[in-house]
PDB file of all heavy atoms in Angstrom:
ATOM      1  N   LEU A   1     -66.465 -38.723 -56.785  1.00  0.00           N
ATOM      2  CA  LEU A   1     -67.476 -38.168 -57.702  1.00  0.00           C
ATOM      3  C   LEU A   1     -68.042 -36.836 -57.195  1.00  0.00           C
ATOM      4  O   LEU A   1     -68.388 -35.967 -57.999  1.00  0.00           O
ATOM      5  CB  LEU A   1     -68.602 -39.194 -57.904  1.00  0.00           C
ATOM      6  CG  LEU A   1     -68.187 -40.494 -58.595  1.00  0.00           C
ATOM      7  CD1 LEU A   1     -69.368 -41.414 -58.767  1.00  0.00           C
ATOM      8  CD2 LEU A   1     -67.526 -40.234 -59.945  1.00  0.00           C
ATOM      9  N   THR A   2     -68.159 -36.686 -55.875  1.00  0.00           N
ATOM     10  CA  THR A   2     -68.634 -35.421 -55.320  1.00  0.00           C
ATOM     11  C   THR A   2     -67.656 -34.296 -55.615  1.00  0.00           C
ATOM     12  O   THR A   2     -68.013 -33.172 -56.008  1.00  0.00           O
ATOM     13  CB  THR A   2     -68.851 -35.530 -53.806  1.00  0.00           C
ATOM     14  OG1 THR A   2     -69.815 -36.577 -53.558  1.00  0.00           O
ATOM     15  CG2 THR A   2     -69.350 -34.223 -53.245  1.00  0.00           C
ATOM     16  N   THR A   3     -66.370 -34.582 -55.472  1.00  0.00           N
ATOM     17  CA  THR A   3     -65.359 -33.564 -55.732  1.00  0.00           C
ATOM     18  C   THR A   3     -65.297 -33.215 -57.207  1.00  0.00           C
ATOM     19  O   THR A   3     -65.197 -32.029 -57.597  1.00  0.00           O
ATOM     20  CB  THR A   3     -63.982 -34.093 -55.297  1.00  0.00           C
ATOM     21  OG1 THR A   3     -64.024 -34.464 -53.905  1.00  0.00           O
ATOM     22  CG2 THR A   3     -62.899 -33.038 -55.484  1.00  0.00           C
ATOM     23  N   LEU A   4     -65.365 -34.239 -58.085  1.00  0.00           N
ATOM     24  CA  LEU A   4     -65.320 -33.969 -59.519  1.00  0.00           C
ATOM     25  C   LEU A   4     -66.571 -33.252 -60.005  1.00  0.00           C
ATOM     26  O   LEU A   4     -66.524 -32.506 -60.997  1.00  0.00           O
ATOM     27  CB  LEU A   4     -65.161 -35.306 -60.298  1.00  0.00           C
ATOM     28  CG  LEU A   4     -63.838 -36.048 -60.081  1.00  0.00           C
ATOM     29  CD1 LEU A   4     -63.836 -37.355 -60.851  1.00  0.00           C
ATOM     30  CD2 LEU A   4     -62.654 -35.203 -60.480  1.00  0.00           C
ATOM     31  N   GLY A   5     -67.706 -33.440 -59.345  1.00  0.00           N
ATOM     32  CA  GLY A   5     -68.942 -32.793 -59.755  1.00  0.00           C
ATOM     33  C   GLY A   5     -68.998 -31.325 -59.423  1.00  0.00           C
ATOM     34  O   GLY A   5     -69.926 -30.646 -59.860  1.00  0.00           O
ATOM     35  N   GLN A   6     -68.066 -30.803 -58.613  1.00  0.00           N
ATOM     36  CA  GLN A   6     -68.078 -29.417 -58.230  1.00  0.00           C
ATOM     37  C   GLN A   6     -67.483 -28.490 -59.285  1.00  0.00           C
ATOM     38  O   GLN A   6     -67.537 -27.274 -59.156  1.00  0.00           O
ATOM     39  CB  GLN A   6     -67.318 -29.235 -56.928  1.00  0.00           C
ATOM     40  CG  GLN A   6     -67.986 -29.915 -55.732  1.00  0.00           C
ATOM     41  CD  GLN A   6     -67.184 -29.812 -54.466  1.00  0.00           C
ATOM     42  OE1 GLN A   6     -66.039 -29.308 -54.486  1.00  0.00           O
ATOM     43  NE2 GLN A   6     -67.719 -30.292 -53.358  1.00  0.00           N
ATOM     44  N   GLY A   7     -66.859 -29.048 -60.312  1.00  0.00           N
ATOM     45  CA  GLY A   7     -66.257 -28.230 -61.352  1.00  0.00           C
ATOM     46  C   GLY A   7     -66.405 -28.904 -62.713  1.00  0.00           C
ATOM     47  O   GLY A   7     -67.178 -29.830 -62.897  1.00  0.00           O
ATOM     48  N   GLU A   8     -65.650 -28.394 -63.674  1.00  0.00           N
ATOM     49  CA  GLU A   8     -65.655 -28.983 -65.015  1.00  0.00           C
ATOM     50  C   GLU A   8     -65.021 -30.363 -64.990  1.00  0.00           C
ATOM     51  O   GLU A   8     -64.074 -30.624 -64.253  1.00  0.00           O
ATOM     52  CB  GLU A   8     -64.902 -28.084 -65.989  1.00  0.00           C
ATOM     53  CG  GLU A   8     -65.577 -26.768 -66.257  1.00  0.00           C
ATOM     54  CD  GLU A   8     -66.903 -26.929 -66.963  1.00  0.00           C
ATOM     55  OE1 GLU A   8     -67.018 -27.875 -67.801  1.00  0.00           O
ATOM     56  OE2 GLU A   8     -67.827 -26.138 -66.729  1.00  0.00           O
ATOM     57  N   PRO A   9     -65.540 -31.298 -65.757  1.00  0.00           N
ATOM     58  CA  PRO A   9     -64.978 -32.662 -65.770  1.00  0.00           C
ATOM     59  C   PRO A   9     -63.562 -32.645 -66.360  1.00  0.00           C
ATOM     60  O   PRO A   9     -63.304 -31.883 -67.325  1.00  0.00           O
ATOM     61  CB  PRO A   9     -65.944 -33.468 -66.627  1.00  0.00           C
ATOM     62  CG  PRO A   9     -66.643 -32.443 -67.464  1.00  0.00           C
ATOM     63  CD  PRO A   9     -66.711 -31.203 -66.626  1.00  0.00           C
ATOM     64  N   PRO A  10     -62.660 -33.450 -65.866  1.00  0.00           N
ATOM     65  CA  PRO A  10     -61.273 -33.474 -66.415  1.00  0.00           C
ATOM     66  C   PRO A  10     -61.258 -34.194 -67.730  1.00  0.00           C
ATOM     67  O   PRO A  10     -62.201 -34.920 -68.127  1.00  0.00           O
ATOM     68  CB  PRO A  10     -60.512 -34.233 -65.338  1.00  0.00           C
ATOM     69  CG  PRO A  10     -61.529 -35.119 -64.708  1.00  0.00           C
ATOM     70  CD  PRO A  10     -62.808 -34.347 -64.711  1.00  0.00           C
ATOM     71  N   ALA A  11     -60.191 -34.005 -68.464  1.00  0.00           N
ATOM     72  CA  ALA A  11     -60.021 -34.698 -69.749  1.00  0.00           C
ATOM     73  C   ALA A  11     -59.647 -36.154 -69.524  1.00  0.00           C
ATOM     74  O   ALA A  11     -59.999 -37.024 -70.336  1.00  0.00           O
ATOM     75  CB  ALA A  11     -58.941 -34.010 -70.600  1.00  0.00           C
ATOM     76  N   LEU A  12     -58.948 -36.449 -68.409  1.00  0.00           N
ATOM     77  CA  LEU A  12     -58.527 -37.817 -68.140  1.00  0.00           C
ATOM     78  C   LEU A  12     -58.645 -38.072 -66.641  1.00  0.00           C
ATOM     79  O   LEU A  12     -58.181 -37.225 -65.837  1.00  0.00           O
ATOM     80  CB  LEU A  12     -57.098 -38.058 -68.616  1.00  0.00           C
ATOM     81  CG  LEU A  12     -56.468 -39.412 -68.296  1.00  0.00           C
ATOM     82  CD1 LEU A  12     -57.224 -40.512 -69.030  1.00  0.00           C
ATOM     83  CD2 LEU A  12     -54.997 -39.431 -68.663  1.00  0.00           C
ATOM     84  N   LEU A  13     -59.222 -39.193 -66.259  1.00  0.00           N
ATOM     85  CA  LEU A  13     -59.324 -39.615 -64.878  1.00  0.00           C
ATOM     86  C   LEU A  13     -58.704 -40.982 -64.751  1.00  0.00           C
ATOM     87  O   LEU A  13     -59.150 -41.938 -65.403  1.00  0.00           O
ATOM     88  CB  LEU A  13     -60.791 -39.659 -64.426  1.00  0.00           C
ATOM     89  CG  LEU A  13     -61.084 -40.239 -63.054  1.00  0.00           C
ATOM     90  CD1 LEU A  13     -60.356 -39.447 -61.959  1.00  0.00           C
ATOM     91  CD2 LEU A  13     -62.582 -40.322 -62.801  1.00  0.00           C
ATOM     92  N   VAL A  14     -57.681 -41.129 -63.938  1.00  0.00           N
ATOM     93  CA  VAL A  14     -56.982 -42.379 -63.699  1.00  0.00           C
ATOM     94  C   VAL A  14     -57.316 -42.865 -62.292  1.00  0.00           C
ATOM     95  O   VAL A  14     -57.130 -42.145 -61.319  1.00  0.00           O
ATOM     96  CB  VAL A  14     -55.473 -42.216 -63.871  1.00  0.00           C
ATOM     97  CG1 VAL A  14     -54.749 -43.567 -63.640  1.00  0.00           C
ATOM     98  CG2 VAL A  14     -55.125 -41.703 -65.278  1.00  0.00           C
ATOM     99  N   ILE A  15     -57.816 -44.128 -62.205  1.00  0.00           N
ATOM    100  CA  ILE A  15     -58.124 -44.741 -60.921  1.00  0.00           C
ATOM    101  C   ILE A  15     -57.175 -45.928 -60.731  1.00  0.00           C
ATOM    102  O   ILE A  15     -57.201 -46.880 -61.489  1.00  0.00           O
ATOM    103  CB  ILE A  15     -59.590 -45.225 -60.850  1.00  0.00           C
ATOM    104  CG1 ILE A  15     -60.561 -44.081 -61.123  1.00  0.00           C
ATOM    105  CG2 ILE A  15     -59.885 -45.886 -59.523  1.00  0.00           C
ATOM    106  CD1 ILE A  15     -60.518 -43.015 -60.050  1.00  0.00           C
ATOM    107  N   ASP A  16     -56.323 -45.838 -59.730  1.00  0.00           N
ATOM    108  CA  ASP A  16     -55.290 -46.862 -59.495  1.00  0.00           C
ATOM    109  C   ASP A  16     -55.434 -47.373 -58.044  1.00  0.00           C
ATOM    110  O   ASP A  16     -54.928 -46.728 -57.123  1.00  0.00           O
ATOM    111  CB  ASP A  16     -53.917 -46.211 -59.723  1.00  0.00           C
ATOM    112  CG  ASP A  16     -52.776 -47.238 -59.674  1.00  0.00           C
ATOM    113  OD1 ASP A  16     -53.099 -48.453 -59.600  1.00  0.00           O
ATOM    114  OD2 ASP A  16     -51.626 -46.818 -59.715  1.00  0.00           O
ATOM    115  N   SER A  17     -56.135 -48.445 -57.857  1.00  0.00           N
ATOM    116  CA  SER A  17     -56.748 -49.344 -58.794  1.00  0.00           C
ATOM    117  C   SER A  17     -58.214 -49.525 -58.432  1.00  0.00           C
ATOM    118  O   SER A  17     -58.660 -49.117 -57.359  1.00  0.00           O
ATOM    119  CB  SER A  17     -56.036 -50.659 -58.818  1.00  0.00           C
ATOM    120  OG  SER A  17     -56.209 -51.284 -57.537  1.00  0.00           O
ATOM    121  N   ILE A  18     -58.991 -50.180 -59.313  1.00  0.00           N
ATOM    122  CA  ILE A  18     -60.410 -50.363 -59.072  1.00  0.00           C
ATOM    123  C   ILE A  18     -60.660 -51.309 -57.926  1.00  0.00           C
ATOM    124  O   ILE A  18     -61.719 -51.199 -57.248  1.00  0.00           O
ATOM    125  CB  ILE A  18     -61.103 -50.855 -60.373  1.00  0.00           C
ATOM    126  CG1 ILE A  18     -62.634 -50.846 -60.210  1.00  0.00           C
ATOM    127  CG2 ILE A  18     -60.568 -52.207 -60.794  1.00  0.00           C
ATOM    128  CD1 ILE A  18     -63.244 -49.522 -59.885  1.00  0.00           C
ATOM    129  N   GLN A  19     -59.759 -52.222 -57.610  1.00  0.00           N
ATOM    130  CA  GLN A  19     -59.950 -53.167 -56.512  1.00  0.00           C
ATOM    131  C   GLN A  19     -59.840 -52.497 -55.141  1.00  0.00           C
ATOM    132  O   GLN A  19     -60.215 -53.094 -54.144  1.00  0.00           O
ATOM    133  CB  GLN A  19     -58.936 -54.310 -56.608  1.00  0.00           C
ATOM    134  CG  GLN A  19     -59.348 -55.428 -57.543  1.00  0.00           C
ATOM    135  CD  GLN A  19     -59.127 -55.091 -58.998  1.00  0.00           C
ATOM    136  OE1 GLN A  19     -58.450 -54.089 -59.303  1.00  0.00           O
ATOM    137  NE2 GLN A  19     -59.681 -55.890 -59.904  1.00  0.00           N
ATOM    138  N   THR A  20     -59.281 -51.290 -55.067  1.00  0.00           N
ATOM    139  CA  THR A  20     -59.168 -50.595 -53.796  1.00  0.00           C
ATOM    140  C   THR A  20     -60.342 -49.637 -53.547  1.00  0.00           C
ATOM    141  O   THR A  20     -60.449 -49.093 -52.449  1.00  0.00           O
ATOM    142  CB  THR A  20     -57.870 -49.781 -53.727  1.00  0.00           C
ATOM    143  OG1 THR A  20     -57.868 -48.788 -54.787  1.00  0.00           O
ATOM    144  CG2 THR A  20     -56.660 -50.700 -53.911  1.00  0.00           C
ATOM    145  N   MET A  21     -61.196 -49.416 -54.524  1.00  0.00           N
ATOM    146  CA  MET A  21     -62.300 -48.496 -54.389  1.00  0.00           C
ATOM    147  C   MET A  21     -63.461 -49.138 -53.617  1.00  0.00           C
ATOM    148  O   MET A  21     -63.630 -50.363 -53.646  1.00  0.00           O
ATOM    149  CB  MET A  21     -62.803 -48.025 -55.745  1.00  0.00           C
ATOM    150  CG  MET A  21     -61.792 -47.254 -56.577  1.00  0.00           C
ATOM    151  SD  MET A  21     -61.392 -45.638 -55.883  1.00  0.00           S
ATOM    152  CE  MET A  21     -59.650 -45.831 -55.519  1.00  0.00           C
ATOM    153  N   HIS A  22     -64.237 -48.336 -52.895  1.00  0.00           N
ATOM    154  CA  HIS A  22     -65.398 -48.857 -52.210  1.00  0.00           C
ATOM    155  C   HIS A  22     -66.531 -47.835 -52.246  1.00  0.00           C
ATOM    156  O   HIS A  22     -66.309 -46.630 -52.349  1.00  0.00           O
ATOM    157  CB  HIS A  22     -65.073 -49.229 -50.752  1.00  0.00           C
ATOM    158  CG  HIS A  22     -65.062 -48.051 -49.823  1.00  0.00           C
ATOM    159  ND1 HIS A  22     -63.956 -47.251 -49.672  1.00  0.00           N
ATOM    160  CD2 HIS A  22     -66.029 -47.546 -48.995  1.00  0.00           C
ATOM    161  CE1 HIS A  22     -64.221 -46.310 -48.787  1.00  0.00           C
ATOM    162  NE2 HIS A  22     -65.440 -46.450 -48.356  1.00  0.00           N
ATOM    163  N   SER A  23     -67.749 -48.339 -52.171  1.00  0.00           N
ATOM    164  CA  SER A  23     -68.944 -47.522 -52.139  1.00  0.00           C
ATOM    165  C   SER A  23     -69.724 -47.794 -50.880  1.00  0.00           C
ATOM    166  O   SER A  23     -69.890 -48.966 -50.487  1.00  0.00           O
ATOM    167  CB  SER A  23     -69.814 -47.827 -53.376  1.00  0.00           C
ATOM    168  OG  SER A  23     -71.086 -47.173 -53.279  1.00  0.00           O
ATOM    169  N   ASP A  24     -70.183 -46.741 -50.199  1.00  0.00           N
ATOM    170  CA  ASP A  24     -70.907 -46.906 -48.932  1.00  0.00           C
ATOM    171  C   ASP A  24     -72.337 -47.395 -49.131  1.00  0.00           C
ATOM    172  O   ASP A  24     -73.034 -47.670 -48.168  1.00  0.00           O
ATOM    173  CB  ASP A  24     -70.890 -45.605 -48.164  1.00  0.00           C
ATOM    174  CG  ASP A  24     -71.405 -44.429 -48.973  1.00  0.00           C
ATOM    175  OD1 ASP A  24     -71.944 -44.664 -50.073  1.00  0.00           O
ATOM    176  OD2 ASP A  24     -71.319 -43.281 -48.515  1.00  0.00           O
ATOM    177  N   THR A  25     -72.770 -47.510 -50.391  1.00  0.00           N
ATOM    178  CA  THR A  25     -74.114 -48.021 -50.644  1.00  0.00           C
ATOM    179  C   THR A  25     -74.110 -49.550 -50.845  1.00  0.00           C
ATOM    180  O   THR A  25     -75.161 -50.152 -51.021  1.00  0.00           O
ATOM    181  CB  THR A  25     -74.688 -47.376 -51.913  1.00  0.00           C
ATOM    182  OG1 THR A  25     -73.853 -47.677 -53.045  1.00  0.00           O
ATOM    183  CG2 THR A  25     -74.785 -45.870 -51.741  1.00  0.00           C
ATOM    184  N   ILE A  26     -72.930 -50.158 -50.865  1.00  0.00           N
ATOM    185  CA  ILE A  26     -72.811 -51.586 -51.103  1.00  0.00           C
ATOM    186  C   ILE A  26     -72.076 -52.220 -49.902  1.00  0.00           C
ATOM    187  O   ILE A  26     -71.057 -51.697 -49.444  1.00  0.00           O
ATOM    188  CB  ILE A  26     -72.006 -51.893 -52.396  1.00  0.00           C
ATOM    189  CG1 ILE A  26     -72.681 -51.204 -53.597  1.00  0.00           C
ATOM    190  CG2 ILE A  26     -71.905 -53.369 -52.659  1.00  0.00           C
ATOM    191  CD1 ILE A  26     -71.925 -51.298 -54.871  1.00  0.00           C
ATOM    192  N   GLU A  27     -72.611 -53.311 -49.433  1.00  0.00           N
ATOM    193  CA  GLU A  27     -71.972 -54.008 -48.334  1.00  0.00           C
ATOM    194  C   GLU A  27     -70.797 -54.812 -48.847  1.00  0.00           C
ATOM    195  O   GLU A  27     -70.819 -55.347 -49.963  1.00  0.00           O
ATOM    196  CB  GLU A  27     -72.950 -54.921 -47.619  1.00  0.00           C
ATOM    197  CG  GLU A  27     -74.101 -54.186 -46.923  1.00  0.00           C
ATOM    198  CD  GLU A  27     -74.988 -55.120 -46.164  1.00  0.00           C
ATOM    199  OE1 GLU A  27     -74.762 -56.352 -46.220  1.00  0.00           O
ATOM    200  OE2 GLU A  27     -75.949 -54.637 -45.530  1.00  0.00           O
ATOM    201  N   GLY A  28     -69.768 -54.989 -48.028  1.00  0.00           N
ATOM    202  CA  GLY A  28     -68.617 -55.764 -48.402  1.00  0.00           C
ATOM    203  C   GLY A  28     -67.359 -54.936 -48.387  1.00  0.00           C
ATOM    204  O   GLY A  28     -67.384 -53.707 -48.474  1.00  0.00           O
ATOM    205  N   ALA A  29     -66.228 -55.627 -48.263  1.00  0.00           N
ATOM    206  CA  ALA A  29     -64.944 -54.980 -48.238  1.00  0.00           C
ATOM    207  C   ALA A  29     -64.508 -54.619 -49.647  1.00  0.00           C
ATOM    208  O   ALA A  29     -64.968 -55.199 -50.638  1.00  0.00           O
ATOM    209  CB  ALA A  29     -63.910 -55.894 -47.577  1.00  0.00           C
ATOM    210  N   PRO A  30     -63.594 -53.647 -49.783  1.00  0.00           N
ATOM    211  CA  PRO A  30     -63.064 -53.332 -51.137  1.00  0.00           C
ATOM    212  C   PRO A  30     -62.413 -54.547 -51.767  1.00  0.00           C
ATOM    213  O   PRO A  30     -61.711 -55.297 -51.093  1.00  0.00           O
ATOM    214  CB  PRO A  30     -62.042 -52.228 -50.842  1.00  0.00           C
ATOM    215  CG  PRO A  30     -62.468 -51.610 -49.549  1.00  0.00           C
ATOM    216  CD  PRO A  30     -63.097 -52.722 -48.759  1.00  0.00           C
ATOM    217  N   GLY A  31     -62.654 -54.722 -53.055  1.00  0.00           N
ATOM    218  CA  GLY A  31     -62.114 -55.825 -53.789  1.00  0.00           C
ATOM    219  C   GLY A  31     -63.077 -56.978 -53.966  1.00  0.00           C
ATOM    220  O   GLY A  31     -62.807 -57.866 -54.762  1.00  0.00           O
ATOM    221  N   THR A  32     -64.205 -56.970 -53.249  1.00  0.00           N
ATOM    222  CA  THR A  32     -65.179 -58.025 -53.457  1.00  0.00           C
ATOM    223  C   THR A  32     -65.898 -57.814 -54.779  1.00  0.00           C
ATOM    224  O   THR A  32     -65.847 -56.750 -55.376  1.00  0.00           O
ATOM    225  CB  THR A  32     -66.210 -58.034 -52.300  1.00  0.00           C
ATOM    226  OG1 THR A  32     -66.818 -56.748 -52.192  1.00  0.00           O
ATOM    227  CG2 THR A  32     -65.515 -58.345 -50.980  1.00  0.00           C
ATOM    228  N   VAL A  33     -66.614 -58.877 -55.207  1.00  0.00           N
ATOM    229  CA  VAL A  33     -67.269 -58.830 -56.509  1.00  0.00           C
ATOM    230  C   VAL A  33     -68.283 -57.680 -56.563  1.00  0.00           C
ATOM    231  O   VAL A  33     -68.346 -56.918 -57.541  1.00  0.00           O
ATOM    232  CB  VAL A  33     -67.920 -60.180 -56.802  1.00  0.00           C
ATOM    233  CG1 VAL A  33     -68.779 -60.077 -58.065  1.00  0.00           C
ATOM    234  CG2 VAL A  33     -66.882 -61.271 -56.942  1.00  0.00           C
ATOM    235  N   SER A  34     -69.094 -57.563 -55.532  1.00  0.00           N
ATOM    236  CA  SER A  34     -70.150 -56.522 -55.528  1.00  0.00           C
ATOM    237  C   SER A  34     -69.527 -55.120 -55.508  1.00  0.00           C
ATOM    238  O   SER A  34     -70.017 -54.207 -56.204  1.00  0.00           O
ATOM    239  CB  SER A  34     -71.075 -56.707 -54.340  1.00  0.00           C
ATOM    240  OG  SER A  34     -70.361 -56.695 -53.118  1.00  0.00           O
ATOM    241  N   GLN A  35     -68.464 -54.903 -54.726  1.00  0.00           N
ATOM    242  CA  GLN A  35     -67.842 -53.618 -54.635  1.00  0.00           C
ATOM    243  C   GLN A  35     -67.184 -53.229 -55.953  1.00  0.00           C
ATOM    244  O   GLN A  35     -67.303 -52.098 -56.436  1.00  0.00           O
ATOM    245  CB  GLN A  35     -66.798 -53.591 -53.500  1.00  0.00           C
ATOM    246  CG  GLN A  35     -67.407 -53.471 -52.127  1.00  0.00           C
ATOM    247  CD  GLN A  35     -67.890 -52.061 -51.797  1.00  0.00           C
ATOM    248  OE1 GLN A  35     -67.680 -51.140 -52.584  1.00  0.00           O
ATOM    249  NE2 GLN A  35     -68.524 -51.878 -50.644  1.00  0.00           N
ATOM    250  N   VAL A  36     -66.445 -54.129 -56.567  1.00  0.00           N
ATOM    251  CA  VAL A  36     -65.743 -53.838 -57.830  1.00  0.00           C
ATOM    252  C   VAL A  36     -66.780 -53.524 -58.903  1.00  0.00           C
ATOM    253  O   VAL A  36     -66.638 -52.548 -59.675  1.00  0.00           O
ATOM    254  CB  VAL A  36     -64.864 -55.024 -58.244  1.00  0.00           C
ATOM    255  CG1 VAL A  36     -64.304 -54.815 -59.643  1.00  0.00           C
ATOM    256  CG2 VAL A  36     -63.701 -55.166 -57.266  1.00  0.00           C
ATOM    257  N   ARG A  37     -67.863 -54.300 -58.997  1.00  0.00           N
ATOM    258  CA  ARG A  37     -68.844 -54.058 -60.029  1.00  0.00           C
ATOM    259  C   ARG A  37     -69.580 -52.749 -59.792  1.00  0.00           C
ATOM    260  O   ARG A  37     -69.801 -51.979 -60.700  1.00  0.00           O
ATOM    261  CB  ARG A  37     -69.844 -55.242 -60.049  1.00  0.00           C
ATOM    262  CG  ARG A  37     -70.918 -55.092 -61.124  1.00  0.00           C
ATOM    263  CD  ARG A  37     -71.784 -56.324 -61.202  1.00  0.00           C
ATOM    264  NE  ARG A  37     -72.444 -56.613 -59.931  1.00  0.00           N
ATOM    265  CZ  ARG A  37     -72.277 -57.686 -59.203  1.00  0.00           C
ATOM    266  NH1 ARG A  37     -71.435 -58.629 -59.636  1.00  0.00           N
ATOM    267  NH2 ARG A  37     -72.918 -57.872 -58.072  1.00  0.00           N
ATOM    268  N   GLY A  38     -69.977 -52.497 -58.535  1.00  0.00           N
ATOM    269  CA  GLY A  38     -70.710 -51.253 -58.227  1.00  0.00           C
ATOM    270  C   GLY A  38     -69.873 -50.016 -58.419  1.00  0.00           C
ATOM    271  O   GLY A  38     -70.338 -49.028 -58.994  1.00  0.00           O
ATOM    272  N   CYS A  39     -68.614 -50.037 -57.948  1.00  0.00           N
ATOM    273  CA  CYS A  39     -67.756 -48.875 -58.095  1.00  0.00           C
ATOM    274  C   CYS A  39     -67.417 -48.600 -59.542  1.00  0.00           C
ATOM    275  O   CYS A  39     -67.392 -47.426 -59.990  1.00  0.00           O
ATOM    276  CB  CYS A  39     -66.451 -49.069 -57.290  1.00  0.00           C
ATOM    277  SG  CYS A  39     -66.721 -49.147 -55.480  1.00  0.00           S
ATOM    278  N   ALA A  40     -67.150 -49.658 -60.309  1.00  0.00           N
ATOM    279  CA  ALA A  40     -66.866 -49.458 -61.737  1.00  0.00           C
ATOM    280  C   ALA A  40     -68.069 -48.903 -62.483  1.00  0.00           C
ATOM    281  O   ALA A  40     -67.918 -48.048 -63.365  1.00  0.00           O
ATOM    282  CB  ALA A  40     -66.417 -50.797 -62.352  1.00  0.00           C
ATOM    283  N   LEU A  41     -69.286 -49.351 -62.101  1.00  0.00           N
ATOM    284  CA  LEU A  41     -70.462 -48.858 -62.776  1.00  0.00           C
ATOM    285  C   LEU A  41     -70.652 -47.371 -62.524  1.00  0.00           C
ATOM    286  O   LEU A  41     -70.979 -46.605 -63.458  1.00  0.00           O
ATOM    287  CB  LEU A  41     -71.704 -49.606 -62.265  1.00  0.00           C
ATOM    288  CG  LEU A  41     -73.059 -49.192 -62.833  1.00  0.00           C
ATOM    289  CD1 LEU A  41     -73.073 -49.375 -64.332  1.00  0.00           C
ATOM    290  CD2 LEU A  41     -74.180 -49.965 -62.168  1.00  0.00           C
TER     291      LEU A  41
END
C-alpha cells in the first residue's frame, strides 16, 4: 500500500494470494484468521 500510494492508483490490482499476505499491526502468522481478515480489509 505504501508503494501504490506514491503514484496514481492502477486500474487492476491482483493479489496472489490473500493467505500469504501479512500485516505488522496484527499478531499471528500469514494465513491465520486475524491476518486474512485484517489484510483483506
